[in-house]
Amino acid sequence: KEALAEACPGIRVISVRPFGALAYALTGGFQGWGLPAPLISALARFEGILPRALMQHMALRALFVLEKC
């Protein structure tokens, strides 16, 4: 948040939601290879029940909600 405030003073971080640890990595990301869809869905559901503190360290992707001040 501090780095964004310094780089873009007119933007404020409303929330950050980390996601996509195991499921994203095992699909190959943006590559064409990966595991079967049902297995990926199961991994995504599993990630959904993990504590947020753990996902902050494991996640490879994040959803940011920003507000223009």
C-alpha atoms as a PDB file:
ATOM      1  CA  LYS A   1       0.000   0.000   0.000  1.00  0.00           C
ATOM      2  CA  GLU A   2       2.812   2.386   0.830  1.00  0.00           C
ATOM      3  CA  ALA A   3       4.582   1.812  -2.492  1.00  0.00           C
ATOM      4  CA  LEU A   4       1.368   2.482  -4.421  1.00  0.00           C
ATOM      5  CA  ALA A   5       0.675   5.640  -2.404  1.00  0.00           C
ATOM      6  CA  GLU A   6       4.166   6.872  -3.256  1.00  0.00           C
ATOM      7  CA  ALA A   7       3.988   5.968  -6.950  1.00  0.00           C
ATOM      8  CA  CYS A   8       0.335   7.032  -7.495  1.00  0.00           C
ATOM      9  CA  PRO A   9      -0.695   9.596  -4.898  1.00  0.00           C
ATOM     10  CA  GLY A  10      -4.277   9.814  -6.207  1.00  0.00           C
ATOM     11  CA  ILE A  11      -4.985   6.088  -5.767  1.00  0.00           C
ATOM     12  CA  ARG A  12      -6.000   4.331  -2.537  1.00  0.00           C
ATOM     13  CA  VAL A  13      -6.065   0.557  -1.928  1.00  0.00           C
ATOM     14  CA  ILE A  14      -9.511  -0.524  -0.705  1.00  0.00           C
ATOM     15  CA  SER A  15      -8.833  -4.265  -0.477  1.00  0.00           C
ATOM     16  CA  VAL A  16      -6.444  -6.991  -1.579  1.00  0.00           C
ATOM     17  CA  ARG A  17      -7.558 -10.608  -1.962  1.00  0.00           C
ATOM     18  CA  PRO A  18      -4.772 -13.097  -2.721  1.00  0.00           C
ATOM     19  CA  PHE A  19      -5.727 -16.236  -4.651  1.00  0.00           C
ATOM     20  CA  GLY A  20      -4.406 -18.796  -7.112  1.00  0.00           C
ATOM     21  CA  ALA A  21      -1.673 -20.746  -5.407  1.00  0.00           C
ATOM     22  CA  LEU A  22      -1.763 -24.460  -6.233  1.00  0.00           C
ATOM     23  CA  ALA A  23      -4.601 -24.374  -8.736  1.00  0.00           C
ATOM     24  CA  TYR A  24      -3.002 -21.637 -10.829  1.00  0.00           C
ATOM     25  CA  ALA A  25       0.453 -23.226 -10.808  1.00  0.00           C
ATOM     26  CA  LEU A  26      -0.831 -26.692 -11.690  1.00  0.00           C
ATOM     27  CA  THR A  27      -2.869 -25.451 -14.656  1.00  0.00           C
ATOM     28  CA  GLY A  28       0.308 -24.113 -16.203  1.00  0.00           C
ATOM     29  CA  GLY A  29      -0.812 -20.516 -15.699  1.00  0.00           C
ATOM     30  CA  PHE A  30      -1.255 -19.092 -19.180  1.00  0.00           C
ATOM     31  CA  GLN A  31       0.303 -22.172 -20.809  1.00  0.00           C
ATOM     32  CA  GLY A  32      -1.718 -24.824 -22.612  1.00  0.00           C
ATOM     33  CA  TRP A  33      -0.843 -27.731 -20.299  1.00  0.00           C
ATOM     34  CA  GLY A  34      -2.244 -28.691 -16.948  1.00  0.00           C
ATOM     35  CA  LEU A  35      -4.261 -31.088 -14.862  1.00  0.00           C
ATOM     36  CA  PRO A  36      -7.880 -32.141 -15.567  1.00  0.00           C
ATOM     37  CA  ALA A  37     -10.539 -29.477 -14.858  1.00  0.00           C
ATOM     38  CA  PRO A  38     -12.241 -31.387 -11.978  1.00  0.00           C
ATOM     39  CA  LEU A  39      -8.935 -31.606 -10.105  1.00  0.00           C
ATOM     40  CA  ILE A  40      -8.241 -27.904 -10.633  1.00  0.00           C
ATOM     41  CA  SER A  41     -11.760 -27.061  -9.375  1.00  0.00           C
ATOM     42  CA  ALA A  42     -11.138 -29.124  -6.243  1.00  0.00           C
ATOM     43  CA  LEU A  43      -7.829 -27.343  -5.633  1.00  0.00           C
ATOM     44  CA  ALA A  44      -9.487 -23.942  -6.101  1.00  0.00           C
ATOM     45  CA  ARG A  45     -12.171 -24.861  -3.535  1.00  0.00           C
ATOM     46  CA  PHE A  46      -9.460 -26.021  -1.131  1.00  0.00           C
ATOM     47  CA  GLU A  47      -7.631 -22.702  -1.541  1.00  0.00           C
ATOM     48  CA  GLY A  48     -10.903 -20.939  -0.753  1.00  0.00           C
ATOM     49  CA  ILE A  49     -10.989 -22.405   2.746  1.00  0.00           C
ATOM     50  CA  LEU A  50      -7.348 -21.706   3.603  1.00  0.00           C
ATOM     51  CA  PRO A  51      -6.716 -18.857   6.068  1.00  0.00           C
ATOM     52  CA  ARG A  52      -6.090 -15.492   4.429  1.00  0.00           C
ATOM     53  CA  ALA A  53      -2.759 -15.113   6.254  1.00  0.00           C
ATOM     54  CA  LEU A  54      -1.512 -18.322   4.642  1.00  0.00           C
ATOM     55  CA  MET A  55      -2.737 -17.311   1.183  1.00  0.00           C
ATOM     56  CA  GLN A  56      -0.846 -14.014   1.473  1.00  0.00           C
ATOM     57  CA  HIS A  57       2.359 -16.071   1.423  1.00  0.00           C
ATOM     58  CA  MET A  58       1.295 -18.755  -1.077  1.00  0.00           C
ATOM     59  CA  ALA A  59      -0.755 -16.862  -3.654  1.00  0.00           C
ATOM     60  CA  LEU A  60       0.589 -16.228  -7.135  1.00  0.00           C
ATOM     61  CA  ARG A  61      -2.212 -13.820  -8.069  1.00  0.00           C
ATOM     62  CA  ALA A  62      -4.240 -11.157  -6.291  1.00  0.00           C
ATOM     63  CA  LEU A  63      -7.369  -9.089  -6.825  1.00  0.00           C
ATOM     64  CA  PHE A  64      -6.898  -5.429  -5.937  1.00  0.00           C
ATOM     65  CA  VAL A  65      -9.747  -2.975  -5.459  1.00  0.00           C
ATOM     66  CA  LEU A  66      -8.504   0.583  -5.912  1.00  0.00           C
ATOM     67  CA  GLU A  67     -10.192   3.932  -5.443  1.00  0.00           C
ATOM     68  CA  LYS A  68      -9.311   7.190  -7.119  1.00  0.00           C
ATOM     69  CA  CYS A  69      -9.086   9.923  -4.479  1.00  0.00           C
END
